[in-house]
PDB file of all heavy atoms in Angstrom:
ATOM      1  N   GLN A   1       9.567 -85.891 -34.481  1.00  0.00           N
ATOM      2  CA  GLN A   1      10.286 -85.180 -35.549  1.00  0.00           C
ATOM      3  C   GLN A   1       9.431 -84.068 -36.149  1.00  0.00           C
ATOM      4  O   GLN A   1       9.905 -82.959 -36.395  1.00  0.00           O
ATOM      5  CB  GLN A   1      10.755 -86.157 -36.646  1.00  0.00           C
ATOM      6  CG  GLN A   1      11.839 -87.126 -36.194  1.00  0.00           C
ATOM      7  CD  GLN A   1      13.044 -86.444 -35.512  1.00  0.00           C
ATOM      8  OE1 GLN A   1      13.529 -85.400 -35.941  1.00  0.00           O
ATOM      9  NE2 GLN A   1      13.519 -87.042 -34.429  1.00  0.00           N
ATOM     10  N   GLU A   2       8.163 -84.379 -36.337  1.00  0.00           N
ATOM     11  CA  GLU A   2       7.214 -83.399 -36.889  1.00  0.00           C
ATOM     12  C   GLU A   2       7.095 -82.176 -35.959  1.00  0.00           C
ATOM     13  O   GLU A   2       7.104 -81.032 -36.396  1.00  0.00           O
ATOM     14  CB  GLU A   2       5.873 -84.123 -37.020  1.00  0.00           C
ATOM     15  CG  GLU A   2       4.717 -83.362 -37.584  1.00  0.00           C
ATOM     16  CD  GLU A   2       3.409 -84.150 -37.383  1.00  0.00           C
ATOM     17  OE1 GLU A   2       3.421 -85.404 -37.536  1.00  0.00           O
ATOM     18  OE2 GLU A   2       2.402 -83.513 -37.053  1.00  0.00           O
ATOM     19  N   ARG A   3       7.017 -82.431 -34.660  1.00  0.00           N
ATOM     20  CA  ARG A   3       6.896 -81.342 -33.690  1.00  0.00           C
ATOM     21  C   ARG A   3       8.185 -80.519 -33.627  1.00  0.00           C
ATOM     22  O   ARG A   3       8.144 -79.289 -33.554  1.00  0.00           O
ATOM     23  CB  ARG A   3       6.558 -81.934 -32.310  1.00  0.00           C
ATOM     24  CG  ARG A   3       6.345 -80.889 -31.227  1.00  0.00           C
ATOM     25  CD  ARG A   3       5.193 -79.943 -31.534  1.00  0.00           C
ATOM     26  NE  ARG A   3       5.176 -78.823 -30.599  1.00  0.00           N
ATOM     27  CZ  ARG A   3       4.807 -77.587 -30.919  1.00  0.00           C
ATOM     28  NH1 ARG A   3       4.425 -77.298 -32.149  1.00  0.00           N
ATOM     29  NH2 ARG A   3       4.816 -76.623 -30.019  1.00  0.00           N
ATOM     30  N   ALA A   4       9.328 -81.209 -33.675  1.00  0.00           N
ATOM     31  CA  ALA A   4      10.615 -80.503 -33.671  1.00  0.00           C
ATOM     32  C   ALA A   4      10.717 -79.572 -34.888  1.00  0.00           C
ATOM     33  O   ALA A   4      11.167 -78.427 -34.769  1.00  0.00           O
ATOM     34  CB  ALA A   4      11.771 -81.502 -33.668  1.00  0.00           C
ATOM     35  N   ALA A   5      10.258 -80.047 -36.042  1.00  0.00           N
ATOM     36  CA  ALA A   5      10.287 -79.224 -37.258  1.00  0.00           C
ATOM     37  C   ALA A   5       9.363 -78.012 -37.116  1.00  0.00           C
ATOM     38  O   ALA A   5       9.707 -76.896 -37.538  1.00  0.00           O
ATOM     39  CB  ALA A   5       9.882 -80.071 -38.468  1.00  0.00           C
ATOM     40  N   ALA A   6       8.195 -78.219 -36.493  1.00  0.00           N
ATOM     41  CA  ALA A   6       7.233 -77.119 -36.317  1.00  0.00           C
ATOM     42  C   ALA A   6       7.780 -76.060 -35.357  1.00  0.00           C
ATOM     43  O   ALA A   6       7.667 -74.850 -35.602  1.00  0.00           O
ATOM     44  CB  ALA A   6       5.902 -77.666 -35.801  1.00  0.00           C
ATOM     45  N   VAL A   7       8.388 -76.498 -34.254  1.00  0.00           N
ATOM     46  CA  VAL A   7       8.983 -75.556 -33.298  1.00  0.00           C
ATOM     47  C   VAL A   7      10.140 -74.813 -33.961  1.00  0.00           C
ATOM     48  O   VAL A   7      10.285 -73.591 -33.817  1.00  0.00           O
ATOM     49  CB  VAL A   7       9.461 -76.284 -32.018  1.00  0.00           C
ATOM     50  CG1 VAL A   7      10.265 -75.349 -31.125  1.00  0.00           C
ATOM     51  CG2 VAL A   7       8.264 -76.833 -31.245  1.00  0.00           C
ATOM     52  N   MET A   8      10.957 -75.540 -34.715  1.00  0.00           N
ATOM     53  CA  MET A   8      12.082 -74.920 -35.420  1.00  0.00           C
ATOM     54  C   MET A   8      11.582 -73.813 -36.349  1.00  0.00           C
ATOM     55  O   MET A   8      12.144 -72.715 -36.389  1.00  0.00           O
ATOM     56  CB  MET A   8      12.850 -75.988 -36.210  1.00  0.00           C
ATOM     57  CG  MET A   8      14.049 -75.458 -36.966  1.00  0.00           C
ATOM     58  SD  MET A   8      15.350 -74.776 -35.887  1.00  0.00           S
ATOM     59  CE  MET A   8      16.233 -76.265 -35.421  1.00  0.00           C
ATOM     60  N   ALA A   9      10.491 -74.083 -37.074  1.00  0.00           N
ATOM     61  CA  ALA A   9       9.934 -73.079 -37.997  1.00  0.00           C
ATOM     62  C   ALA A   9       9.523 -71.811 -37.248  1.00  0.00           C
ATOM     63  O   ALA A   9       9.725 -70.696 -37.737  1.00  0.00           O
ATOM     64  CB  ALA A   9       8.742 -73.675 -38.759  1.00  0.00           C
ATOM     65  N   GLN A  10       8.961 -71.986 -36.029  1.00  0.00           N
ATOM     66  CA  GLN A  10       8.592 -70.837 -35.183  1.00  0.00           C
ATOM     67  C   GLN A  10       9.820 -69.982 -34.868  1.00  0.00           C
ATOM     68  O   GLN A  10       9.792 -68.761 -34.959  1.00  0.00           O
ATOM     69  CB  GLN A  10       8.047 -71.332 -33.835  1.00  0.00           C
ATOM     70  CG  GLN A  10       6.560 -71.545 -33.782  1.00  0.00           C
ATOM     71  CD  GLN A  10       6.180 -72.096 -32.390  1.00  0.00           C
ATOM     72  OE1 GLN A  10       6.957 -72.782 -31.725  1.00  0.00           O
ATOM     73  NE2 GLN A  10       4.962 -71.814 -31.956  1.00  0.00           N
ATOM     74  N   TRP A  11      10.912 -70.644 -34.455  1.00  0.00           N
ATOM     75  CA  TRP A  11      12.131 -69.928 -34.073  1.00  0.00           C
ATOM     76  C   TRP A  11      12.777 -69.281 -35.286  1.00  0.00           C
ATOM     77  O   TRP A  11      13.329 -68.182 -35.188  1.00  0.00           O
ATOM     78  CB  TRP A  11      13.118 -70.885 -33.389  1.00  0.00           C
ATOM     79  CG  TRP A  11      12.750 -71.204 -31.969  1.00  0.00           C
ATOM     80  CD1 TRP A  11      11.676 -71.943 -31.550  1.00  0.00           C
ATOM     81  CD2 TRP A  11      13.436 -70.791 -30.778  1.00  0.00           C
ATOM     82  NE1 TRP A  11      11.661 -72.019 -30.176  1.00  0.00           N
ATOM     83  CE2 TRP A  11      12.736 -71.329 -29.675  1.00  0.00           C
ATOM     84  CE3 TRP A  11      14.584 -70.040 -30.530  1.00  0.00           C
ATOM     85  CZ2 TRP A  11      13.130 -71.123 -28.353  1.00  0.00           C
ATOM     86  CZ3 TRP A  11      14.993 -69.841 -29.210  1.00  0.00           C
ATOM     87  CH2 TRP A  11      14.253 -70.378 -28.140  1.00  0.00           C
ATOM     88  N   LEU A  12      12.696 -69.955 -36.436  1.00  0.00           N
ATOM     89  CA  LEU A  12      13.345 -69.423 -37.642  1.00  0.00           C
ATOM     90  C   LEU A  12      12.522 -68.317 -38.313  1.00  0.00           C
ATOM     91  O   LEU A  12      12.988 -67.673 -39.241  1.00  0.00           O
ATOM     92  CB  LEU A  12      13.637 -70.543 -38.642  1.00  0.00           C
ATOM     93  CG  LEU A  12      14.704 -71.563 -38.213  1.00  0.00           C
ATOM     94  CD1 LEU A  12      14.932 -72.590 -39.305  1.00  0.00           C
ATOM     95  CD2 LEU A  12      16.027 -70.883 -37.838  1.00  0.00           C
ATOM     96  N   ALA A  13      11.299 -68.104 -37.811  1.00  0.00           N
ATOM     97  CA  ALA A  13      10.473 -67.025 -38.371  1.00  0.00           C
ATOM     98  C   ALA A  13      11.008 -65.651 -37.970  1.00  0.00           C
ATOM     99  O   ALA A  13      10.641 -64.630 -38.544  1.00  0.00           O
ATOM    100  CB  ALA A  13       9.023 -67.184 -37.913  1.00  0.00           C
ATOM    101  N   LEU A  14      11.882 -65.627 -36.965  1.00  0.00           N
ATOM    102  CA  LEU A  14      12.452 -64.348 -36.510  1.00  0.00           C
ATOM    103  C   LEU A  14      13.695 -63.986 -37.309  1.00  0.00           C
ATOM    104  O   LEU A  14      14.385 -64.867 -37.811  1.00  0.00           O
ATOM    105  CB  LEU A  14      12.832 -64.454 -35.030  1.00  0.00           C
ATOM    106  CG  LEU A  14      11.624 -64.428 -34.109  1.00  0.00           C
ATOM    107  CD1 LEU A  14      11.381 -65.791 -33.532  1.00  0.00           C
ATOM    108  CD2 LEU A  14      11.815 -63.389 -33.039  1.00  0.00           C
ATOM    109  N   PRO A  15      14.017 -62.682 -37.363  1.00  0.00           N
ATOM    110  CA  PRO A  15      15.283 -62.300 -38.008  1.00  0.00           C
ATOM    111  C   PRO A  15      16.460 -62.897 -37.219  1.00  0.00           C
ATOM    112  O   PRO A  15      16.552 -62.719 -36.014  1.00  0.00           O
ATOM    113  CB  PRO A  15      15.291 -60.768 -37.904  1.00  0.00           C
ATOM    114  CG  PRO A  15      13.892 -60.373 -37.577  1.00  0.00           C
ATOM    115  CD  PRO A  15      13.258 -61.524 -36.873  1.00  0.00           C
ATOM    116  N   ASP A  16      17.335 -63.603 -37.946  1.00  0.00           N
ATOM    117  CA  ASP A  16      18.461 -64.299 -37.297  1.00  0.00           C
ATOM    118  C   ASP A  16      19.282 -63.390 -36.400  1.00  0.00           C
ATOM    119  O   ASP A  16      19.603 -63.739 -35.275  1.00  0.00           O
ATOM    120  CB  ASP A  16      19.392 -64.905 -38.355  1.00  0.00           C
ATOM    121  CG  ASP A  16      18.862 -66.228 -38.897  1.00  0.00           C
ATOM    122  OD1 ASP A  16      17.924 -66.799 -38.306  1.00  0.00           O
ATOM    123  OD2 ASP A  16      19.390 -66.688 -39.915  1.00  0.00           O
ATOM    124  N   HIS A  17      19.663 -62.202 -36.934  1.00  0.00           N
ATOM    125  CA  HIS A  17      20.628 -61.367 -36.195  1.00  0.00           C
ATOM    126  C   HIS A  17      20.074 -60.940 -34.830  1.00  0.00           C
ATOM    127  O   HIS A  17      20.787 -60.973 -33.842  1.00  0.00           O
ATOM    128  CB  HIS A  17      21.069 -60.152 -37.015  1.00  0.00           C
ATOM    129  CG  HIS A  17      19.974 -59.171 -37.257  1.00  0.00           C
ATOM    130  ND1 HIS A  17      19.007 -59.367 -38.225  1.00  0.00           N
ATOM    131  CD2 HIS A  17      19.661 -58.003 -36.639  1.00  0.00           C
ATOM    132  CE1 HIS A  17      18.156 -58.358 -38.198  1.00  0.00           C
ATOM    133  NE2 HIS A  17      18.518 -57.514 -37.250  1.00  0.00           N
ATOM    134  N   ALA A  18      18.802 -60.586 -34.775  1.00  0.00           N
ATOM    135  CA  ALA A  18      18.215 -60.132 -33.506  1.00  0.00           C
ATOM    136  C   ALA A  18      18.172 -61.284 -32.500  1.00  0.00           C
ATOM    137  O   ALA A  18      18.501 -61.123 -31.320  1.00  0.00           O
ATOM    138  CB  ALA A  18      16.813 -59.577 -33.736  1.00  0.00           C
ATOM    139  N   ARG A  19      17.777 -62.462 -32.985  1.00  0.00           N
ATOM    140  CA  ARG A  19      17.721 -63.633 -32.110  1.00  0.00           C
ATOM    141  C   ARG A  19      19.127 -64.028 -31.646  1.00  0.00           C
ATOM    142  O   ARG A  19      19.350 -64.318 -30.469  1.00  0.00           O
ATOM    143  CB  ARG A  19      17.056 -64.807 -32.849  1.00  0.00           C
ATOM    144  CG  ARG A  19      16.882 -66.037 -31.986  1.00  0.00           C
ATOM    145  CD  ARG A  19      16.566 -67.276 -32.792  1.00  0.00           C
ATOM    146  NE  ARG A  19      17.549 -67.533 -33.835  1.00  0.00           N
ATOM    147  CZ  ARG A  19      18.800 -67.971 -33.621  1.00  0.00           C
ATOM    148  NH1 ARG A  19      19.225 -68.181 -32.396  1.00  0.00           N
ATOM    149  NH2 ARG A  19      19.617 -68.168 -34.629  1.00  0.00           N
ATOM    150  N   GLN A  20      20.093 -63.998 -32.564  1.00  0.00           N
ATOM    151  CA  GLN A  20      21.468 -64.387 -32.226  1.00  0.00           C
ATOM    152  C   GLN A  20      22.083 -63.450 -31.181  1.00  0.00           C
ATOM    153  O   GLN A  20      22.733 -63.903 -30.233  1.00  0.00           O
ATOM    154  CB  GLN A  20      22.352 -64.387 -33.486  1.00  0.00           C
ATOM    155  CG  GLN A  20      22.069 -65.562 -34.403  1.00  0.00           C
ATOM    156  CD  GLN A  20      22.676 -65.377 -35.799  1.00  0.00           C
ATOM    157  OE1 GLN A  20      23.256 -64.339 -36.113  1.00  0.00           O
ATOM    158  NE2 GLN A  20      22.538 -66.387 -36.626  1.00  0.00           N
ATOM    159  N   ILE A  21      21.867 -62.149 -31.346  1.00  0.00           N
ATOM    160  CA  ILE A  21      22.438 -61.175 -30.400  1.00  0.00           C
ATOM    161  C   ILE A  21      21.804 -61.370 -29.022  1.00  0.00           C
ATOM    162  O   ILE A  21      22.480 -61.329 -27.990  1.00  0.00           O
ATOM    163  CB  ILE A  21      22.269 -59.724 -30.914  1.00  0.00           C
ATOM    164  CG1 ILE A  21      23.173 -59.509 -32.137  1.00  0.00           C
ATOM    165  CG2 ILE A  21      22.607 -58.710 -29.823  1.00  0.00           C
ATOM    166  CD1 ILE A  21      22.849 -58.254 -32.940  1.00  0.00           C
ATOM    167  N   THR A  22      20.494 -61.630 -29.015  1.00  0.00           N
ATOM    168  CA  THR A  22      19.795 -61.870 -27.749  1.00  0.00           C
ATOM    169  C   THR A  22      20.329 -63.124 -27.065  1.00  0.00           C
ATOM    170  O   THR A  22      20.623 -63.117 -25.858  1.00  0.00           O
ATOM    171  CB  THR A  22      18.276 -62.011 -27.997  1.00  0.00           C
ATOM    172  OG1 THR A  22      17.816 -60.855 -28.697  1.00  0.00           O
ATOM    173  CG2 THR A  22      17.511 -62.145 -26.689  1.00  0.00           C
ATOM    174  N   LYS A  23      20.488 -64.185 -27.843  1.00  0.00           N
ATOM    175  CA  LYS A  23      21.005 -65.449 -27.287  1.00  0.00           C
ATOM    176  C   LYS A  23      22.400 -65.233 -26.698  1.00  0.00           C
ATOM    177  O   LYS A  23      22.696 -65.665 -25.584  1.00  0.00           O
ATOM    178  CB  LYS A  23      21.053 -66.514 -28.389  1.00  0.00           C
ATOM    179  CG  LYS A  23      21.607 -67.865 -27.938  1.00  0.00           C
ATOM    180  CD  LYS A  23      21.493 -68.890 -29.059  1.00  0.00           C
ATOM    181  CE  LYS A  23      21.999 -70.260 -28.638  1.00  0.00           C
ATOM    182  NZ  LYS A  23      21.750 -71.299 -29.653  1.00  0.00           N
ATOM    183  N   SER A  24      23.239 -64.553 -27.459  1.00  0.00           N
ATOM    184  CA  SER A  24      24.606 -64.302 -27.021  1.00  0.00           C
ATOM    185  C   SER A  24      24.622 -63.488 -25.724  1.00  0.00           C
ATOM    186  O   SER A  24      25.376 -63.779 -24.794  1.00  0.00           O
ATOM    187  CB  SER A  24      25.357 -63.581 -28.141  1.00  0.00           C
ATOM    188  OG  SER A  24      26.539 -63.037 -27.648  1.00  0.00           O
ATOM    189  N   MET A  25      23.756 -62.487 -25.656  1.00  0.00           N
ATOM    190  CA  MET A  25      23.659 -61.639 -24.461  1.00  0.00           C
ATOM    191  C   MET A  25      23.242 -62.472 -23.237  1.00  0.00           C
ATOM    192  O   MET A  25      23.777 -62.318 -22.147  1.00  0.00           O
ATOM    193  CB  MET A  25      22.622 -60.557 -24.759  1.00  0.00           C
ATOM    194  CG  MET A  25      22.395 -59.524 -23.696  1.00  0.00           C
ATOM    195  SD  MET A  25      21.319 -58.209 -24.352  1.00  0.00           S
ATOM    196  CE  MET A  25      19.754 -59.085 -24.561  1.00  0.00           C
ATOM    197  N   MET A  26      22.296 -63.393 -23.446  1.00  0.00           N
ATOM    198  CA  MET A  26      21.796 -64.220 -22.344  1.00  0.00           C
ATOM    199  C   MET A  26      22.842 -65.225 -21.860  1.00  0.00           C
ATOM    200  O   MET A  26      22.881 -65.580 -20.689  1.00  0.00           O
ATOM    201  CB  MET A  26      20.546 -65.000 -22.785  1.00  0.00           C
ATOM    202  CG  MET A  26      19.336 -64.151 -23.149  1.00  0.00           C
ATOM    203  SD  MET A  26      18.637 -63.213 -21.782  1.00  0.00           S
ATOM    204  CE  MET A  26      17.991 -64.504 -20.722  1.00  0.00           C
ATOM    205  N   ARG A  27      23.686 -65.690 -22.774  1.00  0.00           N
ATOM    206  CA  ARG A  27      24.569 -66.823 -22.458  1.00  0.00           C
ATOM    207  C   ARG A  27      26.027 -66.446 -22.247  1.00  0.00           C
ATOM    208  O   ARG A  27      26.811 -67.278 -21.796  1.00  0.00           O
ATOM    209  CB  ARG A  27      24.462 -67.873 -23.573  1.00  0.00           C
ATOM    210  CG  ARG A  27      23.056 -68.444 -23.678  1.00  0.00           C
ATOM    211  CD  ARG A  27      22.957 -69.621 -24.626  1.00  0.00           C
ATOM    212  NE  ARG A  27      21.650 -70.267 -24.493  1.00  0.00           N
ATOM    213  CZ  ARG A  27      21.368 -71.499 -24.880  1.00  0.00           C
ATOM    214  NH1 ARG A  27      22.309 -72.234 -25.448  1.00  0.00           N
ATOM    215  NH2 ARG A  27      20.161 -72.003 -24.714  1.00  0.00           N
ATOM    216  N   LYS A  28      26.373 -65.211 -22.562  1.00  0.00           N
ATOM    217  CA  LYS A  28      27.780 -64.799 -22.573  1.00  0.00           C
ATOM    218  C   LYS A  28      28.488 -65.027 -21.233  1.00  0.00           C
ATOM    219  O   LYS A  28      29.597 -65.557 -21.190  1.00  0.00           O
ATOM    220  CB  LYS A  28      27.870 -63.318 -22.983  1.00  0.00           C
ATOM    221  CG  LYS A  28      29.296 -62.844 -23.225  1.00  0.00           C
ATOM    222  CD  LYS A  28      29.324 -61.399 -23.677  1.00  0.00           C
ATOM    223  CE  LYS A  28      30.713 -60.935 -24.034  1.00  0.00           C
ATOM    224  NZ  LYS A  28      31.755 -61.219 -23.038  1.00  0.00           N
ATOM    225  N   THR A  29      27.853 -64.644 -20.138  1.00  0.00           N
ATOM    226  CA  THR A  29      28.494 -64.741 -18.819  1.00  0.00           C
ATOM    227  C   THR A  29      28.911 -66.171 -18.500  1.00  0.00           C
ATOM    228  O   THR A  29      30.025 -66.422 -18.033  1.00  0.00           O
ATOM    229  CB  THR A  29      27.520 -64.239 -17.720  1.00  0.00           C
ATOM    230  OG1 THR A  29      26.961 -63.010 -18.170  1.00  0.00           O
ATOM    231  CG2 THR A  29      28.235 -64.010 -16.405  1.00  0.00           C
ATOM    232  N   VAL A  30      28.002 -67.116 -18.792  1.00  0.00           N
ATOM    233  CA  VAL A  30      28.269 -68.524 -18.490  1.00  0.00           C
ATOM    234  C   VAL A  30      29.371 -69.069 -19.402  1.00  0.00           C
ATOM    235  O   VAL A  30      30.273 -69.787 -18.960  1.00  0.00           O
ATOM    236  CB  VAL A  30      26.961 -69.351 -18.621  1.00  0.00           C
ATOM    237  CG1 VAL A  30      27.220 -70.829 -18.436  1.00  0.00           C
ATOM    238  CG2 VAL A  30      25.952 -68.877 -17.585  1.00  0.00           C
TER     239      VAL A  30
END
């Protein structure tokens, strides 16, 4: 749980919109 929280903090350190658009671009076709 501690490690999951630490990894989550790493991912949440980025601006949401940029990460979300990138994720959507990567996954849209599937």
